[in-house]
Amino acid sequence: MSDGKNVMHMLISIKKVGGALRRATDYVLFGLQTRQAAGYDVKIWNGMKPDGGGAYSKYDKLVLKYRAFYRSWVDRVAEATARPRRRE
């Protein structure tokens, strides 16, 4: 991972169905779809820090909020079970 220097190489394989025009159309459409989806991955990789930091995009905010909320509850449970209980 490097700051803005990531490159994705793709190899597309499509099952031969129909004639040459159909295969060419499938190849172009599938290639464009794959390229678009891979573009999101490259943006995430470009946002990663080489020192092990996180990769965050604007779409990650809700997931990160949920992760923090979940972590707070896990920490509370861990604290409660770590404390010795008083017997009465």
Protein backbone atom coordinates (compact mmCIF):
# COMPACT_ATOMS: atom_id res chain seq x y z
CA MET A 1 0.00 0.00 0.00
CA SER A 2 1.32 3.38 -0.92
CA ASP A 3 0.03 6.93 -0.85
CA GLY A 4 -1.85 7.31 -4.13
CA LYS A 5 0.45 4.99 -6.06
CA ASN A 6 -1.60 1.80 -6.18
CA VAL A 7 -2.39 0.24 -9.53
CA MET A 8 -4.82 -2.61 -10.15
CA HIS A 9 -4.23 -5.06 -12.98
CA MET A 10 -7.16 -7.16 -14.16
CA LEU A 11 -7.60 -10.23 -16.28
CA ILE A 12 -11.15 -10.78 -17.49
CA SER A 13 -12.39 -14.18 -18.58
CA ILE A 14 -15.87 -14.56 -20.03
CA LYS A 15 -17.61 -17.76 -21.06
CA LYS A 16 -18.26 -17.87 -24.81
CA VAL A 17 -22.01 -17.58 -25.34
CA GLY A 18 -23.59 -16.59 -28.64
CA GLY A 19 -21.88 -14.97 -31.58
CA ALA A 20 -18.89 -12.65 -31.83
CA LEU A 21 -21.01 -9.51 -31.37
CA ARG A 22 -22.58 -10.91 -28.19
CA ARG A 23 -19.17 -11.89 -26.78
CA ALA A 24 -17.73 -8.47 -27.58
CA THR A 25 -20.69 -6.74 -25.93
CA ASP A 26 -20.40 -8.97 -22.85
CA TYR A 27 -16.66 -8.32 -22.65
CA VAL A 28 -17.10 -4.53 -22.84
CA LEU A 29 -19.98 -4.37 -20.35
CA PHE A 30 -18.39 -6.77 -17.88
CA GLY A 31 -15.06 -4.98 -18.21
CA LEU A 32 -16.62 -1.59 -17.51
CA GLN A 33 -18.52 -2.95 -14.52
CA THR A 34 -15.38 -4.57 -13.11
CA ARG A 35 -13.32 -1.45 -13.70
CA GLN A 36 -15.90 0.71 -11.91
CA ALA A 37 -16.04 -1.63 -8.91
CA ALA A 38 -12.25 -1.91 -8.76
CA GLY A 39 -12.01 1.88 -8.79
CA TYR A 40 -13.59 1.95 -5.34
CA ASP A 41 -11.02 -0.55 -4.06
CA VAL A 42 -8.12 1.48 -5.43
CA LYS A 43 -9.49 4.61 -3.71
CA ILE A 44 -9.55 2.70 -0.43
CA TRP A 45 -6.02 1.37 -0.97
CA ASN A 46 -4.77 4.86 -1.81
CA GLY A 47 -6.26 6.11 1.46
CA MET A 48 -4.47 3.52 3.58
CA LYS A 49 -1.47 4.51 5.59
CA PRO A 50 1.67 2.39 5.13
CA ASP A 51 2.23 2.42 8.92
CA GLY A 52 -0.85 0.26 9.53
CA GLY A 53 -3.40 3.01 9.95
CA GLY A 54 -6.93 2.70 8.67
CA ALA A 55 -8.46 3.14 5.28
CA TYR A 56 -11.49 5.34 5.51
CA SER A 57 -13.82 6.72 2.90
CA LYS A 58 -17.01 8.70 3.35
CA TYR A 59 -18.99 5.46 3.08
CA ASP A 60 -17.18 3.96 6.09
CA LYS A 61 -18.47 6.45 8.68
CA LEU A 62 -21.56 4.47 9.66
CA VAL A 63 -19.58 1.24 9.95
CA LEU A 64 -16.94 2.96 12.08
CA LYS A 65 -19.64 4.42 14.37
CA TYR A 66 -21.19 0.99 14.82
CA ARG A 67 -17.78 -0.54 15.49
CA ALA A 68 -17.09 2.05 18.22
CA PHE A 69 -20.54 1.45 19.76
CA TYR A 70 -20.04 -2.32 19.70
CA ARG A 71 -16.53 -2.00 21.16
CA SER A 72 -17.88 0.13 24.04
CA TRP A 73 -20.35 -2.62 24.99
CA VAL A 74 -17.71 -5.33 24.72
CA ASP A 75 -15.43 -3.30 27.00
CA ARG A 76 -18.24 -2.83 29.54
CA VAL A 77 -18.94 -6.55 29.66
CA ALA A 78 -15.23 -7.31 30.00
CA GLU A 79 -14.94 -4.86 32.91
CA ALA A 80 -18.01 -6.30 34.64
CA THR A 81 -16.74 -9.87 34.41
CA ALA A 82 -13.23 -8.89 35.52
CA ARG A 83 -14.43 -7.32 38.79
CA PRO A 84 -14.71 -9.72 41.71
CA ARG A 85 -18.28 -10.09 42.93
CA ARG A 86 -19.18 -9.62 46.55
CA ARG A 87 -21.01 -12.45 48.21
CA GLU A 88 -23.72 -11.56 50.63
